[in-house]
Amino acid sequence: MNDKKSSEKQLYYACCPYCKTILIQAQNGMDGYIKCLKCDNYIHIIIRNDTVTTKTKS
């Protein structure tokens, strides 16, 4: 029997800190910018060491 859950990597969700819209589902190592389609803010998303950090683009 093939267990798919053991071979899949852990995925995390990043949400907009303003309007709480889900922006992306990604795994550890992500570091980038995404424009929220709902409120038009650019959000910097960092996923590292099982921690999701979101902040505004400076």
PDB file of N, CA and C in Angstrom:
ATOM      1  N   MET A   1       0.842  -1.187   0.000  1.00  0.00           N
ATOM      2  CA  MET A   1       0.000   0.000   0.000  1.00  0.00           C
ATOM      3  C   MET A   1       0.882   1.244   0.000  1.00  0.00           C
ATOM      4  N   ASN A   2       0.508   2.231  -0.798  1.00  0.00           N
ATOM      5  CA  ASN A   2       1.306   3.444  -0.934  1.00  0.00           C
ATOM      6  C   ASN A   2       0.692   4.560  -0.085  1.00  0.00           C
ATOM      7  N   ASP A   3       1.440   5.059   0.877  1.00  0.00           N
ATOM      8  CA  ASP A   3       0.949   6.124   1.756  1.00  0.00           C
ATOM      9  C   ASP A   3       1.412   7.469   1.210  1.00  0.00           C
ATOM     10  N   LYS A   4       0.506   8.247   0.606  1.00  0.00           N
ATOM     11  CA  LYS A   4       0.860   9.528  -0.008  1.00  0.00           C
ATOM     12  C   LYS A   4       1.231  10.583   1.021  1.00  0.00           C
ATOM     13  N   LYS A   5       0.599  10.553   2.198  1.00  0.00           N
ATOM     14  CA  LYS A   5       0.845  11.602   3.186  1.00  0.00           C
ATOM     15  C   LYS A   5       2.284  11.610   3.682  1.00  0.00           C
ATOM     16  N   SER A   6       2.930  10.468   3.740  1.00  0.00           N
ATOM     17  CA  SER A   6       4.303  10.435   4.227  1.00  0.00           C
ATOM     18  C   SER A   6       5.276  11.013   3.202  1.00  0.00           C
ATOM     19  N   SER A   7       4.926  10.982   1.910  1.00  0.00           N
ATOM     20  CA  SER A   7       5.818  11.496   0.882  1.00  0.00           C
ATOM     21  C   SER A   7       5.573  12.971   0.560  1.00  0.00           C
ATOM     22  N   GLU A   8       4.448  13.540   1.002  1.00  0.00           N
ATOM     23  CA  GLU A   8       4.151  14.944   0.732  1.00  0.00           C
ATOM     24  C   GLU A   8       4.877  15.845   1.718  1.00  0.00           C
ATOM     25  N   LYS A   9       5.290  17.009   1.247  1.00  0.00           N
ATOM     26  CA  LYS A   9       5.933  17.974   2.128  1.00  0.00           C
ATOM     27  C   LYS A   9       4.866  18.812   2.822  1.00  0.00           C
ATOM     28  N   GLN A  10       5.223  19.352   3.982  1.00  0.00           N
ATOM     29  CA  GLN A  10       4.314  20.193   4.759  1.00  0.00           C
ATOM     30  C   GLN A  10       4.066  21.500   4.019  1.00  0.00           C
ATOM     31  N   LEU A  11       2.803  21.856   3.843  1.00  0.00           N
ATOM     32  CA  LEU A  11       2.435  23.110   3.180  1.00  0.00           C
ATOM     33  C   LEU A  11       1.839  24.071   4.195  1.00  0.00           C
ATOM     34  N   TYR A  12       2.090  25.362   3.992  1.00  0.00           N
ATOM     35  CA  TYR A  12       1.620  26.412   4.891  1.00  0.00           C
ATOM     36  C   TYR A  12       0.833  27.433   4.092  1.00  0.00           C
ATOM     37  N   TYR A  13      -0.109  28.096   4.746  1.00  0.00           N
ATOM     38  CA  TYR A  13      -0.907  29.147   4.124  1.00  0.00           C
ATOM     39  C   TYR A  13      -0.426  30.499   4.611  1.00  0.00           C
ATOM     40  N   ALA A  14      -0.353  31.461   3.695  1.00  0.00           N
ATOM     41  CA  ALA A  14      -0.029  32.841   4.052  1.00  0.00           C
ATOM     42  C   ALA A  14      -1.236  33.710   3.709  1.00  0.00           C
ATOM     43  N   CYS A  15      -1.637  34.548   4.655  1.00  0.00           N
ATOM     44  CA  CYS A  15      -2.814  35.401   4.486  1.00  0.00           C
ATOM     45  C   CYS A  15      -2.408  36.869   4.528  1.00  0.00           C
ATOM     46  N   CYS A  16      -3.205  37.704   3.888  1.00  0.00           N
ATOM     47  CA  CYS A  16      -3.002  39.147   3.913  1.00  0.00           C
ATOM     48  C   CYS A  16      -3.242  39.656   5.342  1.00  0.00           C
ATOM     49  N   PRO A  17      -2.307  40.428   5.906  1.00  0.00           N
ATOM     50  CA  PRO A  17      -2.499  40.926   7.270  1.00  0.00           C
ATOM     51  C   PRO A  17      -3.589  41.995   7.378  1.00  0.00           C
ATOM     52  N   TYR A  18      -4.047  42.543   6.242  1.00  0.00           N
ATOM     53  CA  TYR A  18      -5.079  43.577   6.260  1.00  0.00           C
ATOM     54  C   TYR A  18      -6.485  42.994   6.127  1.00  0.00           C
ATOM     55  N   CYS A  19      -6.706  42.233   5.067  1.00  0.00           N
ATOM     56  CA  CYS A  19      -8.068  41.758   4.789  1.00  0.00           C
ATOM     57  C   CYS A  19      -8.247  40.268   5.051  1.00  0.00           C
ATOM     58  N   LYS A  20      -7.189  39.573   5.468  1.00  0.00           N
ATOM     59  CA  LYS A  20      -7.217  38.151   5.839  1.00  0.00           C
ATOM     60  C   LYS A  20      -7.504  37.206   4.674  1.00  0.00           C
ATOM     61  N   THR A  21      -7.303  37.664   3.443  1.00  0.00           N
ATOM     62  CA  THR A  21      -7.468  36.818   2.275  1.00  0.00           C
ATOM     63  C   THR A  21      -6.273  35.866   2.167  1.00  0.00           C
ATOM     64  N   ILE A  22      -6.523  34.594   1.859  1.00  0.00           N
ATOM     65  CA  ILE A  22      -5.442  33.641   1.662  1.00  0.00           C
ATOM     66  C   ILE A  22      -4.720  33.995   0.368  1.00  0.00           C
ATOM     67  N   LEU A  23      -3.410  34.187   0.458  1.00  0.00           N
ATOM     68  CA  LEU A  23      -2.619  34.610  -0.688  1.00  0.00           C
ATOM     69  C   LEU A  23      -1.931  33.443  -1.385  1.00  0.00           C
ATOM     70  N   ILE A  24      -1.420  32.492  -0.605  1.00  0.00           N
ATOM     71  CA  ILE A  24      -0.639  31.411  -1.202  1.00  0.00           C
ATOM     72  C   ILE A  24      -0.568  30.221  -0.258  1.00  0.00           C
ATOM     73  N   GLN A  25      -0.375  29.066  -0.855  1.00  0.00           N
ATOM     74  CA  GLN A  25      -0.069  27.852  -0.118  1.00  0.00           C
ATOM     75  C   GLN A  25       1.319  27.430  -0.584  1.00  0.00           C
ATOM     76  N   ALA A  26       2.282  27.344   0.342  1.00  0.00           N
ATOM     77  CA  ALA A  26       3.665  27.067  -0.047  1.00  0.00           C
ATOM     78  C   ALA A  26       4.354  26.266   1.048  1.00  0.00           C
ATOM     79  N   GLN A  27       5.584  25.867   0.767  1.00  0.00           N
ATOM     80  CA  GLN A  27       6.354  25.100   1.731  1.00  0.00           C
ATOM     81  C   GLN A  27       7.552  25.909   2.228  1.00  0.00           C
ATOM     82  N   ASN A  28       8.273  25.351   3.189  1.00  0.00           N
ATOM     83  CA  ASN A  28       9.451  26.016   3.751  1.00  0.00           C
ATOM     84  C   ASN A  28      10.394  26.465   2.647  1.00  0.00           C
ATOM     85  N   GLY A  29      10.991  27.638   2.829  1.00  0.00           N
ATOM     86  CA  GLY A  29      11.949  28.161   1.868  1.00  0.00           C
ATOM     87  C   GLY A  29      11.392  29.275   1.000  1.00  0.00           C
ATOM     88  N   MET A  30      10.109  29.577   1.107  1.00  0.00           N
ATOM     89  CA  MET A  30       9.527  30.635   0.281  1.00  0.00           C
ATOM     90  C   MET A  30       9.919  32.001   0.827  1.00  0.00           C
ATOM     91  N   ASP A  31      10.297  32.888  -0.057  1.00  0.00           N
ATOM     92  CA  ASP A  31      10.604  34.272   0.300  1.00  0.00           C
ATOM     93  C   ASP A  31      10.282  35.116  -0.928  1.00  0.00           C
ATOM     94  N   GLY A  32       9.151  35.828  -0.875  1.00  0.00           N
ATOM     95  CA  GLY A  32       8.762  36.611  -2.039  1.00  0.00           C
ATOM     96  C   GLY A  32       7.649  37.596  -1.734  1.00  0.00           C
ATOM     97  N   TYR A  33       7.247  38.304  -2.782  1.00  0.00           N
ATOM     98  CA  TYR A  33       6.212  39.327  -2.680  1.00  0.00           C
ATOM     99  C   TYR A  33       4.995  38.903  -3.498  1.00  0.00           C
ATOM    100  N   ILE A  34       3.820  39.191  -2.953  1.00  0.00           N
ATOM    101  CA  ILE A  34       2.566  38.905  -3.642  1.00  0.00           C
ATOM    102  C   ILE A  34       1.650  40.107  -3.467  1.00  0.00           C
ATOM    103  N   LYS A  35       0.943  40.475  -4.535  1.00  0.00           N
ATOM    104  CA  LYS A  35      -0.033  41.551  -4.447  1.00  0.00           C
ATOM    105  C   LYS A  35      -1.379  40.941  -4.104  1.00  0.00           C
ATOM    106  N   CYS A  36      -1.985  41.431  -3.028  1.00  0.00           N
ATOM    107  CA  CYS A  36      -3.304  40.946  -2.629  1.00  0.00           C
ATOM    108  C   CYS A  36      -4.333  41.448  -3.636  1.00  0.00           C
ATOM    109  N   LEU A  37      -5.103  40.539  -4.185  1.00  0.00           N
ATOM    110  CA  LEU A  37      -6.098  40.904  -5.184  1.00  0.00           C
ATOM    111  C   LEU A  37      -7.295  41.637  -4.591  1.00  0.00           C
ATOM    112  N   LYS A  38      -7.519  41.454  -3.297  1.00  0.00           N
ATOM    113  CA  LYS A  38      -8.686  42.070  -2.665  1.00  0.00           C
ATOM    114  C   LYS A  38      -8.425  43.512  -2.224  1.00  0.00           C
ATOM    115  N   CYS A  39      -7.265  43.775  -1.606  1.00  0.00           N
ATOM    116  CA  CYS A  39      -7.012  45.124  -1.073  1.00  0.00           C
ATOM    117  C   CYS A  39      -5.859  45.848  -1.776  1.00  0.00           C
ATOM    118  N   ASP A  40      -5.228  45.236  -2.771  1.00  0.00           N
ATOM    119  CA  ASP A  40      -4.169  45.838  -3.597  1.00  0.00           C
ATOM    120  C   ASP A  40      -2.891  46.215  -2.846  1.00  0.00           C
ATOM    121  N   ASN A  41      -2.620  45.601  -1.709  1.00  0.00           N
ATOM    122  CA  ASN A  41      -1.366  45.824  -0.994  1.00  0.00           C
ATOM    123  C   ASN A  41      -0.356  44.765  -1.403  1.00  0.00           C
ATOM    124  N   TYR A  42       0.929  45.145  -1.463  1.00  0.00           N
ATOM    125  CA  TYR A  42       1.997  44.185  -1.711  1.00  0.00           C
ATOM    126  C   TYR A  42       2.442  43.617  -0.365  1.00  0.00           C
ATOM    127  N   ILE A  43       2.493  42.292  -0.274  1.00  0.00           N
ATOM    128  CA  ILE A  43       2.807  41.612   0.973  1.00  0.00           C
ATOM    129  C   ILE A  43       4.082  40.795   0.791  1.00  0.00           C
ATOM    130  N   HIS A  44       5.021  40.945   1.714  1.00  0.00           N
ATOM    131  CA  HIS A  44       6.249  40.158   1.728  1.00  0.00           C
ATOM    132  C   HIS A  44       5.985  38.918   2.573  1.00  0.00           C
ATOM    133  N   ILE A  45       6.164  37.745   1.977  1.00  0.00           N
ATOM    134  CA  ILE A  45       5.889  36.477   2.654  1.00  0.00           C
ATOM    135  C   ILE A  45       7.188  35.696   2.781  1.00  0.00           C
ATOM    136  N   ILE A  46       7.470  35.261   4.009  1.00  0.00           N
ATOM    137  CA  ILE A  46       8.645  34.440   4.283  1.00  0.00           C
ATOM    138  C   ILE A  46       8.163  33.192   5.028  1.00  0.00           C
ATOM    139  N   ILE A  47       8.491  32.030   4.494  1.00  0.00           N
ATOM    140  CA  ILE A  47       8.184  30.769   5.178  1.00  0.00           C
ATOM    141  C   ILE A  47       9.520  30.079   5.424  1.00  0.00           C
ATOM    142  N   ARG A  48       9.902  30.014   6.705  1.00  0.00           N
ATOM    143  CA  ARG A  48      11.194  29.459   7.081  1.00  0.00           C
ATOM    144  C   ARG A  48      11.079  28.798   8.443  1.00  0.00           C
ATOM    145  N   ASN A  49      11.650  27.628   8.600  1.00  0.00           N
ATOM    146  CA  ASN A  49      11.674  26.893   9.874  1.00  0.00           C
ATOM    147  C   ASN A  49      10.263  26.707  10.446  1.00  0.00           C
ATOM    148  N   ASP A  50       9.330  26.330   9.601  1.00  0.00           N
ATOM    149  CA  ASP A  50       7.935  26.066   9.983  1.00  0.00           C
ATOM    150  C   ASP A  50       7.230  27.297  10.539  1.00  0.00           C
ATOM    151  N   THR A  51       7.670  28.492  10.141  1.00  0.00           N
ATOM    152  CA  THR A  51       7.053  29.741  10.577  1.00  0.00           C
ATOM    153  C   THR A  51       6.711  30.589   9.359  1.00  0.00           C
ATOM    154  N   VAL A  52       5.482  31.103   9.338  1.00  0.00           N
ATOM    155  CA  VAL A  52       5.031  31.977   8.253  1.00  0.00           C
ATOM    156  C   VAL A  52       5.050  33.410   8.761  1.00  0.00           C
ATOM    157  N   THR A  53       5.764  34.299   8.047  1.00  0.00           N
ATOM    158  CA  THR A  53       5.844  35.705   8.401  1.00  0.00           C
ATOM    159  C   THR A  53       5.309  36.524   7.230  1.00  0.00           C
ATOM    160  N   THR A  54       4.371  37.425   7.522  1.00  0.00           N
ATOM    161  CA  THR A  54       3.851  38.330   6.492  1.00  0.00           C
ATOM    162  C   THR A  54       4.018  39.763   6.975  1.00  0.00           C
ATOM    163  N   LYS A  55       4.463  40.635   6.060  1.00  0.00           N
ATOM    164  CA  LYS A  55       4.592  42.058   6.385  1.00  0.00           C
ATOM    165  C   LYS A  55       4.439  42.844   5.105  1.00  0.00           C
ATOM    166  N   THR A  56       4.199  44.138   5.248  1.00  0.00           N
ATOM    167  CA  THR A  56       4.024  44.976   4.080  1.00  0.00           C
ATOM    168  C   THR A  56       5.357  45.199   3.380  1.00  0.00           C
ATOM    169  N   LYS A  57       5.291  45.435   2.094  1.00  0.00           N
ATOM    170  CA  LYS A  57       6.501  45.700   1.308  1.00  0.00           C
ATOM    171  C   LYS A  57       7.028  47.070   1.699  1.00  0.00           C
ATOM    172  N   SER A  58       8.311  47.143   2.024  1.00  0.00           N
ATOM    173  CA  SER A  58       8.885  48.429   2.431  1.00  0.00           C
ATOM    174  C   SER A  58       9.699  49.049   1.326  1.00  0.00           C
TER     175      SER A  58
END
